[in-house]
Amino acid sequence: MDCPRCKSLLIKDTVKDLNTGFEVDTCPSCGGTWFDKNELSQIDKVIEPTFLEIRHIPGKKDQIEPLNCPSCKTSPALHKSEHYRDKKVIIDHCPSCKGIWLDKGELEAIRKENWLITIGKIFNWLIGKE
């Protein structure tokens, strides 16, 4: 399978988290990652509070560049959408196979959250607003 961004051959890599581990396809050239259907959802909910959130994601111009699905034989265009937790991260998802492409730094960006936001969410949950 080739990288939808730079066309390099994707290599198998293992993503390990607290309770799970699974194989993903990673680009050794540009650092992006292909998640098959439902793989990203296994780790997407984990939030790592951090004192200072510094994003290392591609610029808007690169994020909106059209990409094709590396997994489907017909290579349909990947659809773009903002991530629900971090609006600066544009994810690319296939309407056919439901796979998701994340550019280098995007997974880290959606998993990290400024600790003040986390505290605010906990406070709202405690007083019953969430």
Protein backbone atom coordinates (compact mmCIF):
# COMPACT_ATOMS: atom_id res chain seq x y z
CA MET A 1 0.00 0.00 0.00
CA ASP A 2 1.36 3.43 -0.94
CA CYS A 3 1.19 6.64 1.09
CA PRO A 4 -1.64 8.91 -0.09
CA ARG A 5 0.52 11.97 0.64
CA CYS A 6 3.99 11.20 -0.82
CA LYS A 7 3.43 7.83 -2.57
CA SER A 8 6.14 6.00 -0.55
CA LEU A 9 5.51 2.40 0.43
CA LEU A 10 3.73 2.23 3.82
CA ILE A 11 5.25 -0.06 6.44
CA LYS A 12 3.53 -1.96 9.23
CA ASP A 13 3.86 -0.47 12.69
CA THR A 14 2.25 -1.30 16.03
CA VAL A 15 0.30 1.23 18.05
CA LYS A 16 0.19 0.35 21.72
CA ASP A 17 -2.04 2.01 24.24
CA LEU A 18 -3.17 1.28 27.78
CA ASN A 19 -5.45 -1.65 26.94
CA THR A 20 -4.87 -2.34 23.28
CA GLY A 21 -2.30 -2.83 20.59
CA PHE A 22 -2.89 -3.10 16.86
CA GLU A 23 -1.12 -2.78 13.55
CA VAL A 24 -1.27 0.37 11.42
CA ASP A 25 0.42 1.42 8.19
CA THR A 26 2.96 4.23 8.57
CA CYS A 27 4.88 6.23 5.99
CA PRO A 28 8.62 6.25 6.69
CA SER A 29 9.03 9.37 4.50
CA CYS A 30 6.34 11.84 5.59
CA GLY A 31 5.38 10.25 8.93
CA GLY A 32 1.65 9.89 8.23
CA THR A 33 -0.42 6.93 9.43
CA TRP A 34 -3.25 4.92 7.86
CA PHE A 35 -5.85 3.52 10.25
CA ASP A 36 -8.20 0.84 8.96
CA LYS A 37 -11.89 1.02 9.91
CA ASN A 38 -12.44 1.45 13.69
CA GLU A 39 -8.72 1.39 14.58
CA LEU A 40 -8.46 5.10 15.35
CA SER A 41 -11.58 4.98 17.53
CA GLN A 42 -9.77 2.51 19.83
CA ILE A 43 -7.24 5.18 20.85
CA ASP A 44 -8.97 8.44 19.87
CA LYS A 45 -10.79 8.79 23.19
CA VAL A 46 -7.60 8.85 25.28
CA ILE A 47 -6.74 12.39 26.33
CA GLU A 48 -3.31 13.29 27.65
CA PRO A 49 -3.50 16.52 29.67
CA THR A 50 -0.45 18.67 29.08
CA PHE A 51 0.69 21.96 30.57
CA LEU A 52 1.56 23.50 27.23
CA GLU A 53 0.01 22.21 24.05
CA ILE A 54 2.29 22.67 21.07
CA ARG A 55 0.98 21.27 17.80
CA HIS A 56 3.32 19.96 15.13
CA ILE A 57 0.79 19.49 12.34
CA PRO A 58 0.93 20.38 8.65
CA GLY A 59 -0.28 23.80 7.56
CA LYS A 60 -3.82 24.33 6.29
CA LYS A 61 -2.64 24.29 2.65
CA ASP A 62 -1.14 20.82 3.05
CA GLN A 63 -4.10 19.54 5.04
CA ILE A 64 -6.63 20.47 2.35
CA GLU A 65 -4.61 18.93 -0.50
CA PRO A 66 -6.72 16.20 -2.18
CA LEU A 67 -5.66 12.65 -1.33
CA ASN A 68 -6.84 9.25 -2.56
CA CYS A 69 -7.52 6.15 -0.49
CA PRO A 70 -4.45 3.90 -0.31
CA SER A 71 -6.52 0.87 0.68
CA CYS A 72 -9.35 0.71 -1.90
CA LYS A 73 -8.64 -0.69 -5.35
CA THR A 74 -10.57 2.19 -7.00
CA SER A 75 -8.62 4.83 -5.02
CA PRO A 76 -11.59 7.09 -4.22
CA ALA A 77 -10.89 10.62 -3.05
CA LEU A 78 -10.59 10.89 0.72
CA HIS A 79 -13.13 13.20 2.35
CA LYS A 80 -11.92 15.93 4.69
CA SER A 81 -13.36 16.87 8.06
CA GLU A 82 -12.28 18.69 11.19
CA HIS A 83 -11.60 16.49 14.17
CA TYR A 84 -14.32 16.92 16.79
CA ARG A 85 -11.84 17.65 19.58
CA ASP A 86 -9.25 19.73 17.71
CA LYS A 87 -10.64 21.85 14.87
CA LYS A 88 -7.13 22.55 13.54
CA VAL A 89 -6.69 18.89 12.64
CA ILE A 90 -8.20 17.97 9.28
CA ILE A 91 -8.63 14.20 9.03
CA ASP A 92 -8.90 12.40 5.71
CA HIS A 93 -11.38 9.52 5.63
CA CYS A 94 -12.49 7.08 2.96
CA PRO A 95 -16.23 6.91 2.27
CA SER A 96 -15.86 3.30 1.04
CA CYS A 97 -13.60 1.40 3.44
CA LYS A 98 -13.94 3.89 6.36
CA GLY A 99 -10.16 4.09 6.78
CA ILE A 100 -8.57 7.29 8.12
CA TRP A 101 -5.33 9.03 7.17
CA LEU A 102 -3.59 11.23 9.74
CA ASP A 103 -0.61 13.34 8.76
CA LYS A 104 2.45 13.45 10.99
CA GLY A 105 1.65 15.12 14.31
CA GLU A 106 -2.14 14.95 13.98
CA LEU A 107 -2.62 11.94 16.27
CA GLU A 108 -0.56 13.62 18.97
CA ALA A 109 -2.52 16.86 18.50
CA ILE A 110 -5.91 15.19 18.98
CA ARG A 111 -4.74 13.23 22.00
CA LYS A 112 -3.17 16.13 23.91
CA GLU A 113 -5.24 18.75 25.65
CA ASN A 114 -4.25 21.79 27.67
CA TRP A 115 -4.71 20.93 31.35
CA LEU A 116 -6.88 24.05 31.90
CA ILE A 117 -9.40 22.71 29.37
CA THR A 118 -9.33 19.31 31.08
CA ILE A 119 -9.93 20.89 34.50
CA GLY A 120 -12.82 22.94 33.03
CA LYS A 121 -14.42 19.78 31.61
CA ILE A 122 -14.07 17.98 34.95
CA PHE A 123 -15.58 20.97 36.78
CA ASN A 124 -18.53 21.09 34.35
CA TRP A 125 -19.04 17.35 34.77
CA LEU A 126 -19.02 17.72 38.58
CA ILE A 127 -21.66 20.45 38.55
CA GLY A 128 -23.76 18.55 36.02
CA LYS A 129 -23.27 20.69 32.93
CA GLU A 130 -21.75 17.88 30.82
